[in-house]
Amino acid sequence: MTDVRIRPMTADDAPAAERVTAIGFHELDTRMFRRSWPDPQLRPPDRGANWVNRARHLIGTDPGGCWVAERDGELIGVAVSFVREKMWLLASYAVVPGAQGLGLGKALLAPALEHGRGCLRGMFNASSDPKALRRYHAAGFRLHPQMFLRGTPDRSQIPVVENVREGSESDFDWMDSVDRRTRGAAHGSDHQVLMQQFRLVVSETSSAQGYAYLDGGVALLAATDRRTASRLMWEAIASSDDVLVGHVTPENSWAVDVGLAARLDLHQEGYLALRGMRPPTPYLSHGALM
């Protein structure tokens, strides 16, 4: 550790930080997305560009929550965290394999956690890495197993989807209200980034509201009741031939019901790490912006 420098992350660091996380998450990406590429230092261009754009957005809103580990001018670790309305969130956290086991992960996580000091709640998606899970548990986070649904849907099972329309920026205010009701904090400016990267659909009736960002499945979904959430998930399934719905906690069994009805395959992967809160529902989190 004596030759490693922990310092704030800058916008210029984002491409190199993306490569650090690509190495760390290559195995997970292969299992969940069924995408494998020859060079583990490179994500597919579209996903790599999205990561860089998200990181630069969070550096702009939360410079105190974004940190890198540098050795001899090379980035070997990254922690990107942010705060939204008294909720601390960890968007990305990785150390390259050759530098693991040296205490670097703990050293990176410490200033990121400090950025969230005073927050009432905490939330992030965690991999199944045993060492990282012990670190999260020691920091006071409860670990909730997550599932994901994947496959080609049986189109004969898809119902007619009603009361769903394309969303726009004019919906952001009430979407933030749904966020507060489900996860306890609004996404705020993060909706701008999400809308640039995904298709936004919304559902509004006299008694319920909900929205979903779609990208070959569900990238993020929040609703005030399960019926609305299910309607939005069916729209996601109807919109894609190869569906992925991730980050499903047991509390969101409605999503398992919909996915299995569509003949998708159910798998288990990773954990939702929470502090000071219960698993949000009806809610399917985004991997980085939650």
C-alpha atoms as a PDB file:
ATOM      1  CA  MET A   1       0.000   0.000   0.000  1.00  0.00           C
ATOM      2  CA  THR A   2       2.946   2.385   0.466  1.00  0.00           C
ATOM      3  CA  ASP A   3       3.225   3.036  -3.280  1.00  0.00           C
ATOM      4  CA  VAL A   4      -0.537   3.509  -3.809  1.00  0.00           C
ATOM      5  CA  ARG A   5      -2.221   6.914  -3.764  1.00  0.00           C
ATOM      6  CA  ILE A   6      -5.922   7.298  -2.898  1.00  0.00           C
ATOM      7  CA  ARG A   7      -7.207  10.524  -4.427  1.00  0.00           C
ATOM      8  CA  PRO A   8     -10.443  12.156  -5.647  1.00  0.00           C
ATOM      9  CA  MET A   9     -11.603  10.984  -9.052  1.00  0.00           C
ATOM     10  CA  THR A  10     -11.735  13.526 -11.883  1.00  0.00           C
ATOM     11  CA  ALA A  11     -13.733  13.582 -15.101  1.00  0.00           C
ATOM     12  CA  ASP A  12     -10.522  12.778 -16.994  1.00  0.00           C
ATOM     13  CA  ASP A  13     -10.156   9.575 -14.948  1.00  0.00           C
ATOM     14  CA  ALA A  14     -13.504   8.189 -16.120  1.00  0.00           C
ATOM     15  CA  PRO A  15     -12.303   6.166 -19.161  1.00  0.00           C
ATOM     16  CA  ALA A  16      -9.499   4.503 -17.167  1.00  0.00           C
ATOM     17  CA  ALA A  17     -11.876   3.890 -14.241  1.00  0.00           C
ATOM     18  CA  GLU A  18     -14.327   2.254 -16.634  1.00  0.00           C
ATOM     19  CA  ARG A  19     -11.611  -0.213 -17.664  1.00  0.00           C
ATOM     20  CA  VAL A  20     -10.907  -1.049 -13.997  1.00  0.00           C
ATOM     21  CA  THR A  21     -14.564  -1.919 -13.453  1.00  0.00           C
ATOM     22  CA  ALA A  22     -14.744  -3.819 -16.753  1.00  0.00           C
ATOM     23  CA  ILE A  23     -12.012  -6.147 -15.500  1.00  0.00           C
ATOM     24  CA  GLY A  24     -13.694  -6.560 -12.130  1.00  0.00           C
ATOM     25  CA  PHE A  25     -17.195  -7.150 -13.501  1.00  0.00           C
ATOM     26  CA  HIS A  26     -16.329  -9.210 -16.593  1.00  0.00           C
ATOM     27  CA  GLU A  27     -17.439 -12.515 -15.066  1.00  0.00           C
ATOM     28  CA  LEU A  28     -20.697 -11.029 -13.764  1.00  0.00           C
ATOM     29  CA  ASP A  29     -21.459  -9.404 -17.121  1.00  0.00           C
ATOM     30  CA  THR A  30     -20.900 -12.729 -18.869  1.00  0.00           C
ATOM     31  CA  ARG A  31     -23.326 -14.566 -16.547  1.00  0.00           C
ATOM     32  CA  MET A  32     -26.107 -11.966 -16.530  1.00  0.00           C
ATOM     33  CA  PHE A  33     -25.882 -10.421 -19.978  1.00  0.00           C
ATOM     34  CA  ARG A  34     -24.621 -13.513 -21.854  1.00  0.00           C
ATOM     35  CA  ARG A  35     -21.959 -11.283 -23.373  1.00  0.00           C
ATOM     36  CA  SER A  36     -18.340 -12.346 -23.453  1.00  0.00           C
ATOM     37  CA  TRP A  37     -15.647 -10.408 -25.256  1.00  0.00           C
ATOM     38  CA  PRO A  38     -11.998 -11.314 -25.929  1.00  0.00           C
ATOM     39  CA  ASP A  39     -10.454  -8.388 -24.061  1.00  0.00           C
ATOM     40  CA  PRO A  40     -11.832  -8.140 -20.480  1.00  0.00           C
ATOM     41  CA  GLN A  41     -10.533  -4.566 -20.282  1.00  0.00           C
ATOM     42  CA  LEU A  42     -13.127  -3.459 -22.834  1.00  0.00           C
ATOM     43  CA  ARG A  43     -16.898  -3.483 -22.522  1.00  0.00           C
ATOM     44  CA  PRO A  44     -18.973  -3.258 -25.700  1.00  0.00           C
ATOM     45  CA  PRO A  45     -18.612   0.378 -26.847  1.00  0.00           C
ATOM     46  CA  ASP A  46     -22.169   1.417 -25.984  1.00  0.00           C
ATOM     47  CA  ARG A  47     -22.005   0.093 -22.425  1.00  0.00           C
ATOM     48  CA  GLY A  48     -18.543   1.527 -21.884  1.00  0.00           C
ATOM     49  CA  ALA A  49     -19.681   4.962 -23.053  1.00  0.00           C
ATOM     50  CA  ASN A  50     -22.720   4.794 -20.763  1.00  0.00           C
ATOM     51  CA  TRP A  51     -20.487   3.975 -17.787  1.00  0.00           C
ATOM     52  CA  VAL A  52     -18.208   6.931 -18.531  1.00  0.00           C
ATOM     53  CA  ASN A  53     -21.152   9.314 -18.909  1.00  0.00           C
ATOM     54  CA  ARG A  54     -22.707   8.152 -15.627  1.00  0.00           C
ATOM     55  CA  ALA A  55     -19.411   8.498 -13.797  1.00  0.00           C
ATOM     56  CA  ARG A  56     -18.830  12.021 -15.085  1.00  0.00           C
ATOM     57  CA  HIS A  57     -22.360  12.946 -14.062  1.00  0.00           C
ATOM     58  CA  LEU A  58     -21.727  11.698 -10.510  1.00  0.00           C
ATOM     59  CA  ILE A  59     -18.335  13.392 -10.321  1.00  0.00           C
ATOM     60  CA  GLY A  60     -20.192  16.588 -11.171  1.00  0.00           C
ATOM     61  CA  THR A  61     -22.888  16.141  -8.524  1.00  0.00           C
ATOM     62  CA  ASP A  62     -20.815  14.393  -5.820  1.00  0.00           C
ATOM     63  CA  PRO A  63     -17.071  15.038  -6.224  1.00  0.00           C
ATOM     64  CA  GLY A  64     -16.541  14.095  -2.588  1.00  0.00           C
ATOM     65  CA  GLY A  65     -17.952  10.624  -3.163  1.00  0.00           C
ATOM     66  CA  CYS A  66     -15.778   9.565  -6.124  1.00  0.00           C
ATOM     67  CA  TRP A  67     -12.297   8.137  -5.465  1.00  0.00           C
ATOM     68  CA  VAL A  68      -9.565   6.226  -7.279  1.00  0.00           C
ATOM     69  CA  ALA A  69      -6.471   4.282  -6.278  1.00  0.00           C
ATOM     70  CA  GLU A  70      -3.405   5.055  -8.381  1.00  0.00           C
ATOM     71  CA  ARG A  71      -0.018   3.328  -8.582  1.00  0.00           C
ATOM     72  CA  ASP A  72       2.758   4.534 -10.872  1.00  0.00           C
ATOM     73  CA  GLY A  73       0.273   6.648 -12.800  1.00  0.00           C
ATOM     74  CA  GLU A  74      -2.126   3.731 -13.397  1.00  0.00           C
ATOM     75  CA  LEU A  75      -5.574   3.375 -11.868  1.00  0.00           C
ATOM     76  CA  ILE A  76      -5.983   0.092 -10.010  1.00  0.00           C
ATOM     77  CA  GLY A  77      -9.153   0.761  -8.009  1.00  0.00           C
ATOM     78  CA  VAL A  78     -12.273   2.924  -8.051  1.00  0.00           C
ATOM     79  CA  ALA A  79     -15.194   3.796  -5.762  1.00  0.00           C
ATOM     80  CA  VAL A  80     -18.024   5.988  -7.074  1.00  0.00           C
ATOM     81  CA  SER A  81     -20.650   7.013  -4.513  1.00  0.00           C
ATOM     82  CA  PHE A  82     -23.275   9.731  -4.269  1.00  0.00           C
ATOM     83  CA  VAL A  83     -25.974  11.139  -1.988  1.00  0.00           C
ATOM     84  CA  ARG A  84     -29.608  11.752  -2.868  1.00  0.00           C
ATOM     85  CA  GLU A  85     -31.881  13.258  -0.200  1.00  0.00           C
ATOM     86  CA  LYS A  86     -30.192  11.700   2.843  1.00  0.00           C
ATOM     87  CA  MET A  87     -29.577   8.395   1.061  1.00  0.00           C
ATOM     88  CA  TRP A  88     -26.006   7.244   0.361  1.00  0.00           C
ATOM     89  CA  LEU A  89     -25.558   5.081  -2.749  1.00  0.00           C
ATOM     90  CA  LEU A  90     -22.556   3.243  -4.158  1.00  0.00           C
ATOM     91  CA  ALA A  91     -22.612   3.245  -7.946  1.00  0.00           C
ATOM     92  CA  SER A  92     -19.393   1.342  -8.635  1.00  0.00           C
ATOM     93  CA  TYR A  93     -16.597  -0.220  -6.599  1.00  0.00           C
ATOM     94  CA  ALA A  94     -13.782  -2.357  -7.974  1.00  0.00           C
ATOM     95  CA  VAL A  95     -10.104  -3.240  -7.568  1.00  0.00           C
ATOM     96  CA  VAL A  96      -8.109  -4.938 -10.326  1.00  0.00           C
ATOM     97  CA  PRO A  97      -7.371  -8.609  -9.553  1.00  0.00           C
ATOM     98  CA  GLY A  98      -3.608  -8.102  -9.147  1.00  0.00           C
ATOM     99  CA  ALA A  99      -4.117  -5.551  -6.377  1.00  0.00           C
ATOM    100  CA  GLN A 100      -6.742  -7.409  -4.360  1.00  0.00           C
ATOM    101  CA  GLY A 101      -6.065  -8.735  -0.878  1.00  0.00           C
ATOM    102  CA  LEU A 102      -3.829  -5.794   0.110  1.00  0.00           C
ATOM    103  CA  GLY A 103      -6.398  -3.721   1.990  1.00  0.00           C
ATOM    104  CA  LEU A 104      -6.934  -1.447  -0.992  1.00  0.00           C
ATOM    105  CA  GLY A 105     -10.677  -2.052  -1.116  1.00  0.00           C
ATOM    106  CA  LYS A 106     -11.102  -0.959   2.489  1.00  0.00           C
ATOM    107  CA  ALA A 107      -8.958   2.132   1.880  1.00  0.00           C
ATOM    108  CA  LEU A 108     -11.084   3.100  -1.142  1.00  0.00           C
ATOM    109  CA  LEU A 109     -14.413   2.500   0.547  1.00  0.00           C
ATOM    110  CA  ALA A 110     -13.568   4.611   3.606  1.00  0.00           C
ATOM    111  CA  PRO A 111     -13.692   8.077   1.960  1.00  0.00           C
ATOM    112  CA  ALA A 112     -16.748   7.065  -0.056  1.00  0.00           C
ATOM    113  CA  LEU A 113     -18.557   6.116   3.158  1.00  0.00           C
ATOM    114  CA  GLU A 114     -17.414   9.358   4.745  1.00  0.00           C
ATOM    115  CA  HIS A 115     -19.160  11.223   1.940  1.00  0.00           C
ATOM    116  CA  GLY A 116     -22.421   9.716   3.170  1.00  0.00           C
ATOM    117  CA  ARG A 117     -21.865  10.470   6.826  1.00  0.00           C
ATOM    118  CA  GLY A 118     -25.114  11.728   8.320  1.00  0.00           C
ATOM    119  CA  CYS A 119     -27.306   9.975   5.731  1.00  0.00           C
ATOM    120  CA  LEU A 120     -30.293   8.160   7.175  1.00  0.00           C
ATOM    121  CA  ARG A 121     -30.279   5.365   4.593  1.00  0.00           C
ATOM    122  CA  GLY A 122     -27.856   3.510   2.358  1.00  0.00           C
ATOM    123  CA  MET A 123     -28.362   1.335  -0.697  1.00  0.00           C
ATOM    124  CA  PHE A 124     -26.321  -0.361  -3.409  1.00  0.00           C
ATOM    125  CA  ASN A 125     -26.099  -3.507  -5.511  1.00  0.00           C
ATOM    126  CA  ALA A 126     -23.323  -5.876  -4.470  1.00  0.00           C
ATOM    127  CA  SER A 127     -21.700  -8.803  -6.238  1.00  0.00           C
ATOM    128  CA  SER A 128     -21.216 -12.203  -4.610  1.00  0.00           C
ATOM    129  CA  ASP A 129     -17.557 -11.586  -3.751  1.00  0.00           C
ATOM    130  CA  PRO A 130     -17.122 -12.957  -0.181  1.00  0.00           C
ATOM    131  CA  LYS A 131     -14.458 -10.453   0.909  1.00  0.00           C
ATOM    132  CA  ALA A 132     -16.474  -7.475  -0.285  1.00  0.00           C
ATOM    133  CA  LEU A 133     -19.607  -8.822   1.405  1.00  0.00           C
ATOM    134  CA  ARG A 134     -17.798  -9.054   4.747  1.00  0.00           C
ATOM    135  CA  ARG A 135     -16.686  -5.457   4.285  1.00  0.00           C
ATOM    136  CA  TYR A 136     -20.228  -4.277   3.595  1.00  0.00           C
ATOM    137  CA  HIS A 137     -21.615  -6.203   6.558  1.00  0.00           C
ATOM    138  CA  ALA A 138     -18.973  -4.662   8.837  1.00  0.00           C
ATOM    139  CA  ALA A 139     -20.084  -1.216   7.608  1.00  0.00           C
ATOM    140  CA  GLY A 140     -23.612  -1.910   8.857  1.00  0.00           C
ATOM    141  CA  PHE A 141     -25.321  -3.039   5.663  1.00  0.00           C
ATOM    142  CA  ARG A 142     -27.812  -5.904   5.595  1.00  0.00           C
ATOM    143  CA  LEU A 143     -27.475  -8.144   2.552  1.00  0.00           C
ATOM    144  CA  HIS A 144     -30.620  -9.215   0.699  1.00  0.00           C
ATOM    145  CA  PRO A 145     -30.243 -11.905  -2.013  1.00  0.00           C
ATOM    146  CA  GLN A 146     -31.318 -10.905  -5.500  1.00  0.00           C
ATOM    147  CA  MET A 147     -32.603 -12.811  -8.515  1.00  0.00           C
ATOM    148  CA  PHE A 148     -32.743 -12.057 -12.214  1.00  0.00           C
ATOM    149  CA  LEU A 149     -34.986 -13.243 -15.039  1.00  0.00           C
ATOM    150  CA  ARG A 150     -33.651 -13.827 -18.524  1.00  0.00           C
ATOM    151  CA  GLY A 151     -34.668 -15.438 -21.776  1.00  0.00           C
ATOM    152  CA  THR A 152     -36.860 -15.287 -24.857  1.00  0.00           C
ATOM    153  CA  PRO A 153     -40.481 -14.686 -23.839  1.00  0.00           C
ATOM    154  CA  ASP A 154     -43.395 -16.824 -24.957  1.00  0.00           C
ATOM    155  CA  ARG A 155     -45.354 -14.193 -26.847  1.00  0.00           C
ATOM    156  CA  SER A 156     -48.572 -16.157 -26.552  1.00  0.00           C
ATOM    157  CA  GLN A 157     -48.491 -15.395 -22.819  1.00  0.00           C
ATOM    158  CA  ILE A 158     -48.113 -11.609 -23.142  1.00  0.00           C
ATOM    159  CA  PRO A 159     -51.371  -9.801 -22.334  1.00  0.00           C
ATOM    160  CA  VAL A 160     -52.600  -6.612 -23.963  1.00  0.00           C
ATOM    161  CA  VAL A 161     -50.804  -3.802 -22.122  1.00  0.00           C
ATOM    162  CA  GLU A 162     -52.972  -0.763 -21.422  1.00  0.00           C
ATOM    163  CA  ASN A 163     -52.452   2.558 -19.643  1.00  0.00           C
ATOM    164  CA  VAL A 164     -48.771   2.770 -20.607  1.00  0.00           C
ATOM    165  CA  ARG A 165     -47.323   5.652 -22.620  1.00  0.00           C
ATOM    166  CA  GLU A 166     -43.949   7.090 -23.549  1.00  0.00           C
ATOM    167  CA  GLY A 167     -42.478   9.243 -20.781  1.00  0.00           C
ATOM    168  CA  SER A 168     -40.859  12.669 -20.976  1.00  0.00           C
ATOM    169  CA  GLU A 169     -39.059  15.204 -18.788  1.00  0.00           C
ATOM    170  CA  SER A 170     -42.439  16.625 -17.796  1.00  0.00           C
ATOM    171  CA  ASP A 171     -43.009  13.415 -15.803  1.00  0.00           C
ATOM    172  CA  PHE A 172     -39.880  13.771 -13.658  1.00  0.00           C
ATOM    173  CA  ASP A 173     -41.566  15.577 -10.754  1.00  0.00           C
ATOM    174  CA  TRP A 174     -44.133  12.875 -10.061  1.00  0.00           C
ATOM    175  CA  MET A 175     -41.534  10.180 -10.806  1.00  0.00           C
ATOM    176  CA  ASP A 176     -39.441  11.657  -7.992  1.00  0.00           C
ATOM    177  CA  SER A 177     -42.499  11.373  -5.738  1.00  0.00           C
ATOM    178  CA  VAL A 178     -42.781   7.683  -6.629  1.00  0.00           C
ATOM    179  CA  ASP A 179     -39.058   7.298  -5.864  1.00  0.00           C
ATOM    180  CA  ARG A 180     -39.545   8.808  -2.405  1.00  0.00           C
ATOM    181  CA  ARG A 181     -42.486   6.524  -1.714  1.00  0.00           C
ATOM    182  CA  THR A 182     -40.673   3.347  -2.807  1.00  0.00           C
ATOM    183  CA  ARG A 183     -36.969   3.780  -2.023  1.00  0.00           C
ATOM    184  CA  GLY A 184     -37.082   6.843   0.235  1.00  0.00           C
ATOM    185  CA  ALA A 185     -35.223   9.312  -2.001  1.00  0.00           C
ATOM    186  CA  ALA A 186     -35.741  10.922  -5.413  1.00  0.00           C
ATOM    187  CA  HIS A 187     -33.422  10.314  -8.364  1.00  0.00           C
ATOM    188  CA  GLY A 188     -33.414  14.026  -9.180  1.00  0.00           C
ATOM    189  CA  SER A 189     -30.882  14.869 -11.887  1.00  0.00           C
ATOM    190  CA  ASP A 190     -30.131  11.162 -12.389  1.00  0.00           C
ATOM    191  CA  HIS A 191     -33.346  10.911 -14.408  1.00  0.00           C
ATOM    192  CA  GLN A 192     -31.720  13.052 -17.107  1.00  0.00           C
ATOM    193  CA  VAL A 193     -28.885  10.527 -17.451  1.00  0.00           C
ATOM    194  CA  LEU A 194     -31.225   7.534 -17.374  1.00  0.00           C
ATOM    195  CA  MET A 195     -33.473   9.015 -20.044  1.00  0.00           C
ATOM    196  CA  GLN A 196     -30.468   9.566 -22.331  1.00  0.00           C
ATOM    197  CA  GLN A 197     -29.543   5.888 -22.054  1.00  0.00           C
ATOM    198  CA  PHE A 198     -32.908   4.125 -21.931  1.00  0.00           C
ATOM    199  CA  ARG A 199     -36.482   4.271 -23.178  1.00  0.00           C
ATOM    200  CA  LEU A 200     -38.814   5.746 -20.553  1.00  0.00           C
ATOM    201  CA  VAL A 201     -42.390   4.474 -20.244  1.00  0.00           C
ATOM    202  CA  VAL A 202     -44.899   5.581 -17.622  1.00  0.00           C
ATOM    203  CA  SER A 203     -48.316   4.545 -16.343  1.00  0.00           C
ATOM    204  CA  GLU A 204     -50.795   6.881 -14.693  1.00  0.00           C
ATOM    205  CA  THR A 205     -54.311   6.068 -13.548  1.00  0.00           C
ATOM    206  CA  SER A 206     -56.639   7.761 -11.078  1.00  0.00           C
ATOM    207  CA  SER A 207     -55.247   5.629  -8.242  1.00  0.00           C
ATOM    208  CA  ALA A 208     -51.670   4.668  -9.159  1.00  0.00           C
ATOM    209  CA  GLN A 209     -48.483   5.785 -10.897  1.00  0.00           C
ATOM    210  CA  GLY A 210     -45.320   4.120 -12.052  1.00  0.00           C
ATOM    211  CA  TYR A 211     -42.457   4.327 -14.515  1.00  0.00           C
ATOM    212  CA  ALA A 212     -39.791   2.106 -16.047  1.00  0.00           C
ATOM    213  CA  TYR A 213     -36.609   2.570 -18.033  1.00  0.00           C
ATOM    214  CA  LEU A 214     -36.351  -0.139 -20.665  1.00  0.00           C
ATOM    215  CA  ASP A 215     -33.366  -1.619 -22.477  1.00  0.00           C
ATOM    216  CA  GLY A 216     -33.941  -5.192 -23.603  1.00  0.00           C
ATOM    217  CA  GLY A 217     -35.892  -5.644 -20.393  1.00  0.00           C
ATOM    218  CA  VAL A 218     -36.110  -3.516 -17.245  1.00  0.00           C
ATOM    219  CA  ALA A 219     -33.244  -1.191 -16.335  1.00  0.00           C
ATOM    220  CA  LEU A 220     -35.188   0.493 -13.492  1.00  0.00           C
ATOM    221  CA  LEU A 221     -38.809   0.320 -12.345  1.00  0.00           C
ATOM    222  CA  ALA A 222     -40.784   2.032  -9.582  1.00  0.00           C
ATOM    223  CA  ALA A 223     -44.527   2.079  -8.955  1.00  0.00           C
ATOM    224  CA  THR A 224     -47.042   2.813  -6.251  1.00  0.00           C
ATOM    225  CA  ASP A 225     -48.684  -0.612  -6.500  1.00  0.00           C
ATOM    226  CA  ARG A 226     -47.926  -4.082  -7.834  1.00  0.00           C
ATOM    227  CA  ARG A 227     -50.553  -3.971 -10.565  1.00  0.00           C
ATOM    228  CA  THR A 228     -48.905  -0.919 -12.126  1.00  0.00           C
ATOM    229  CA  ALA A 229     -45.457  -2.458 -11.700  1.00  0.00           C
ATOM    230  CA  SER A 230     -46.587  -5.658 -13.413  1.00  0.00           C
ATOM    231  CA  ARG A 231     -48.120  -3.672 -16.273  1.00  0.00           C
ATOM    232  CA  LEU A 232     -44.828  -1.869 -16.849  1.00  0.00           C
ATOM    233  CA  MET A 233     -42.849  -5.099 -16.729  1.00  0.00           C
ATOM    234  CA  TRP A 234     -45.152  -6.673 -19.298  1.00  0.00           C
ATOM    235  CA  GLU A 235     -44.471  -3.670 -21.546  1.00  0.00           C
ATOM    236  CA  ALA A 236     -40.745  -4.325 -21.154  1.00  0.00           C
ATOM    237  CA  ILE A 237     -41.181  -8.000 -22.053  1.00  0.00           C
ATOM    238  CA  ALA A 238     -43.369  -7.178 -25.043  1.00  0.00           C
ATOM    239  CA  SER A 239     -40.728  -4.738 -26.326  1.00  0.00           C
ATOM    240  CA  SER A 240     -37.828  -7.187 -26.565  1.00  0.00           C
ATOM    241  CA  ASP A 241     -37.010 -10.594 -28.021  1.00  0.00           C
ATOM    242  CA  ASP A 242     -34.197 -11.223 -25.493  1.00  0.00           C
ATOM    243  CA  VAL A 243     -35.269 -10.055 -22.044  1.00  0.00           C
ATOM    244  CA  LEU A 244     -33.238  -9.355 -18.902  1.00  0.00           C
ATOM    245  CA  VAL A 245     -34.900  -8.227 -15.668  1.00  0.00           C
ATOM    246  CA  GLY A 246     -32.357  -7.867 -12.872  1.00  0.00           C
ATOM    247  CA  HIS A 247     -32.145  -6.942  -9.192  1.00  0.00           C
ATOM    248  CA  VAL A 248     -35.296  -8.755  -8.085  1.00  0.00           C
ATOM    249  CA  THR A 249     -35.495  -9.128  -4.297  1.00  0.00           C
ATOM    250  CA  PRO A 250     -37.888 -11.637  -2.663  1.00  0.00           C
ATOM    251  CA  GLU A 251     -40.069  -8.686  -1.614  1.00  0.00           C
ATOM    252  CA  ASN A 252     -40.736  -8.095  -5.323  1.00  0.00           C
ATOM    253  CA  SER A 253     -42.286 -11.503  -5.967  1.00  0.00           C
ATOM    254  CA  TRP A 254     -44.703  -9.852  -8.412  1.00  0.00           C
ATOM    255  CA  ALA A 255     -41.764  -9.591 -10.854  1.00  0.00           C
ATOM    256  CA  VAL A 256     -41.042 -13.319 -10.484  1.00  0.00           C
ATOM    257  CA  ASP A 257     -44.727 -14.024 -11.174  1.00  0.00           C
ATOM    258  CA  VAL A 258     -44.659 -11.953 -14.368  1.00  0.00           C
ATOM    259  CA  GLY A 259     -41.308 -13.323 -15.557  1.00  0.00           C
ATOM    260  CA  LEU A 260     -42.238 -16.965 -15.069  1.00  0.00           C
ATOM    261  CA  ALA A 261     -45.618 -16.378 -16.705  1.00  0.00           C
ATOM    262  CA  ALA A 262     -43.680 -15.102 -19.748  1.00  0.00           C
ATOM    263  CA  ARG A 263     -41.565 -18.304 -19.639  1.00  0.00           C
ATOM    264  CA  LEU A 264     -38.351 -16.506 -18.677  1.00  0.00           C
ATOM    265  CA  ASP A 265     -35.674 -18.381 -16.722  1.00  0.00           C
ATOM    266  CA  LEU A 266     -35.083 -17.469 -13.061  1.00  0.00           C
ATOM    267  CA  HIS A 267     -31.540 -17.202 -11.632  1.00  0.00           C
ATOM    268  CA  GLN A 268     -29.920 -15.912  -8.435  1.00  0.00           C
ATOM    269  CA  GLU A 269     -27.058 -13.390  -8.441  1.00  0.00           C
ATOM    270  CA  GLY A 270     -25.686 -10.851  -5.971  1.00  0.00           C
ATOM    271  CA  TYR A 271     -27.205  -8.876  -3.133  1.00  0.00           C
ATOM    272  CA  LEU A 272     -28.990  -5.631  -2.420  1.00  0.00           C
ATOM    273  CA  ALA A 273     -27.087  -3.980   0.419  1.00  0.00           C
ATOM    274  CA  LEU A 274     -29.277  -1.779   2.632  1.00  0.00           C
ATOM    275  CA  ARG A 275     -28.731   0.280   5.753  1.00  0.00           C
ATOM    276  CA  GLY A 276     -31.519   1.990   7.684  1.00  0.00           C
ATOM    277  CA  MET A 277     -34.268   0.802   5.319  1.00  0.00           C
ATOM    278  CA  ARG A 278     -36.250  -2.175   4.117  1.00  0.00           C
ATOM    279  CA  PRO A 279     -36.051  -3.513   0.546  1.00  0.00           C
ATOM    280  CA  PRO A 280     -38.044  -1.117  -1.659  1.00  0.00           C
ATOM    281  CA  THR A 281     -41.175  -2.415  -3.368  1.00  0.00           C
ATOM    282  CA  PRO A 282     -42.653  -2.362  -5.949  1.00  0.00           C
ATOM    283  CA  TYR A 283     -39.175  -1.551  -7.181  1.00  0.00           C
ATOM    284  CA  LEU A 284     -36.441  -2.956  -9.440  1.00  0.00           C
ATOM    285  CA  SER A 285     -33.244  -0.976  -9.046  1.00  0.00           C
ATOM    286  CA  HIS A 286     -30.754   0.174 -11.663  1.00  0.00           C
ATOM    287  CA  GLY A 287     -27.353  -1.441 -11.242  1.00  0.00           C
ATOM    288  CA  ALA A 288     -25.484   1.828 -10.685  1.00  0.00           C
ATOM    289  CA  LEU A 289     -27.979   4.645 -10.111  1.00  0.00           C
ATOM    290  CA  MET A 290     -30.312   2.359  -8.094  1.00  0.00           C
END
